[in-house]
Amino acid sequence: MVYPFLRKLEKGGFAVSEWVEKGKRRLRYYSLTKRGERLLKNVRRMFNKSLREVLMDLINHGKT
């Protein structure tokens, strides 16, 4: 589930990957591009805003 998602991010230009030799193993490392960093920032903002609104509703509901 994770690796298909990472490949989609890479195809969309949101991430890049590289193969690294670690002992006898080859590992694929992923990192975000500038475009990916902007996407992550926007997603975090969206979730934080929604969570904040939910919490405020719960707090205000408890006052009535």
C-alpha atoms as a PDB file:
ATOM      1  CA  MET A   1       0.000   0.000   0.000  1.00  0.00           C
ATOM      2  CA  VAL A   2       2.812   2.427   0.872  1.00  0.00           C
ATOM      3  CA  TYR A   3       5.081   1.751  -2.090  1.00  0.00           C
ATOM      4  CA  PRO A   4       2.415   2.223  -4.784  1.00  0.00           C
ATOM      5  CA  PHE A   5       1.580   5.538  -3.118  1.00  0.00           C
ATOM      6  CA  LEU A   6       5.245   6.578  -3.096  1.00  0.00           C
ATOM      7  CA  ARG A   7       5.536   5.701  -6.794  1.00  0.00           C
ATOM      8  CA  LYS A   8       2.474   7.843  -7.547  1.00  0.00           C
ATOM      9  CA  LEU A   9       4.030  10.732  -5.665  1.00  0.00           C
ATOM     10  CA  GLU A  10       7.197  10.279  -7.697  1.00  0.00           C
ATOM     11  CA  LYS A  11       5.318  10.135 -11.015  1.00  0.00           C
ATOM     12  CA  GLY A  12       3.473  13.314 -10.043  1.00  0.00           C
ATOM     13  CA  GLY A  13       6.710  15.165  -9.325  1.00  0.00           C
ATOM     14  CA  PHE A  14       6.069  15.347  -5.588  1.00  0.00           C
ATOM     15  CA  ALA A  15       8.925  13.003  -4.607  1.00  0.00           C
ATOM     16  CA  VAL A  16      12.194  11.622  -5.940  1.00  0.00           C
ATOM     17  CA  SER A  17      13.909   8.372  -5.097  1.00  0.00           C
ATOM     18  CA  GLU A  18      17.377   6.925  -5.250  1.00  0.00           C
ATOM     19  CA  TRP A  19      18.865   3.486  -4.718  1.00  0.00           C
ATOM     20  CA  VAL A  20      21.452   3.234  -1.932  1.00  0.00           C
ATOM     21  CA  GLU A  21      23.742   0.310  -1.117  1.00  0.00           C
ATOM     22  CA  LYS A  22      23.521  -0.556   2.578  1.00  0.00           C
ATOM     23  CA  GLY A  23      25.803  -3.501   3.242  1.00  0.00           C
ATOM     24  CA  LYS A  24      24.575  -6.278   0.955  1.00  0.00           C
ATOM     25  CA  ARG A  25      21.161  -4.708   0.517  1.00  0.00           C
ATOM     26  CA  ARG A  26      19.893  -2.121  -1.928  1.00  0.00           C
ATOM     27  CA  LEU A  27      17.444   0.314  -0.374  1.00  0.00           C
ATOM     28  CA  ARG A  28      15.288   2.882  -2.098  1.00  0.00           C
ATOM     29  CA  TYR A  29      15.183   6.257  -0.356  1.00  0.00           C
ATOM     30  CA  TYR A  30      12.413   8.744  -1.101  1.00  0.00           C
ATOM     31  CA  SER A  31      12.433  12.472  -0.465  1.00  0.00           C
ATOM     32  CA  LEU A  32      10.014  15.279  -1.225  1.00  0.00           C
ATOM     33  CA  THR A  33      10.607  17.787  -3.974  1.00  0.00           C
ATOM     34  CA  LYS A  34       9.740  21.472  -3.469  1.00  0.00           C
ATOM     35  CA  ARG A  35       6.376  20.682  -5.051  1.00  0.00           C
ATOM     36  CA  GLY A  36       5.896  17.827  -2.561  1.00  0.00           C
ATOM     37  CA  GLU A  37       6.818  20.073   0.351  1.00  0.00           C
ATOM     38  CA  ARG A  38       4.169  22.586  -0.739  1.00  0.00           C
ATOM     39  CA  LEU A  39       1.598  19.795  -1.015  1.00  0.00           C
ATOM     40  CA  LEU A  40       2.469  18.499   2.464  1.00  0.00           C
ATOM     41  CA  LYS A  41       2.199  22.003   3.911  1.00  0.00           C
ATOM     42  CA  ASN A  42      -1.246  22.464   2.343  1.00  0.00           C
ATOM     43  CA  VAL A  43      -2.474  19.062   3.541  1.00  0.00           C
ATOM     44  CA  ARG A  44      -1.259  19.758   7.078  1.00  0.00           C
ATOM     45  CA  ARG A  45      -2.985  23.141   7.039  1.00  0.00           C
ATOM     46  CA  MET A  46      -6.218  21.532   5.822  1.00  0.00           C
ATOM     47  CA  PHE A  47      -6.175  18.861   8.536  1.00  0.00           C
ATOM     48  CA  ASN A  48      -5.194  21.301  11.275  1.00  0.00           C
ATOM     49  CA  LYS A  49      -8.000  23.631  10.313  1.00  0.00           C
ATOM     50  CA  SER A  50     -10.551  20.831  10.276  1.00  0.00           C
ATOM     51  CA  LEU A  51      -9.342  19.459  13.601  1.00  0.00           C
ATOM     52  CA  ARG A  52      -9.426  22.922  15.153  1.00  0.00           C
ATOM     53  CA  GLU A  53     -13.004  23.422  13.951  1.00  0.00           C
ATOM     54  CA  VAL A  54     -14.066  20.036  15.342  1.00  0.00           C
ATOM     55  CA  LEU A  55     -12.466  20.763  18.706  1.00  0.00           C
ATOM     56  CA  MET A  56     -14.094  24.173  18.915  1.00  0.00           C
ATOM     57  CA  ASP A  57     -17.471  22.632  18.162  1.00  0.00           C
ATOM     58  CA  LEU A  58     -16.936  20.093  20.948  1.00  0.00           C
ATOM     59  CA  ILE A  59     -15.899  22.800  23.412  1.00  0.00           C
ATOM     60  CA  ASN A  60     -18.829  25.046  22.494  1.00  0.00           C
ATOM     61  CA  HIS A  61     -21.260  22.107  22.640  1.00  0.00           C
ATOM     62  CA  GLY A  62     -20.182  21.365  26.191  1.00  0.00           C
ATOM     63  CA  LYS A  63     -21.065  24.928  27.288  1.00  0.00           C
ATOM     64  CA  THR A  64     -24.742  24.619  26.395  1.00  0.00           C
END
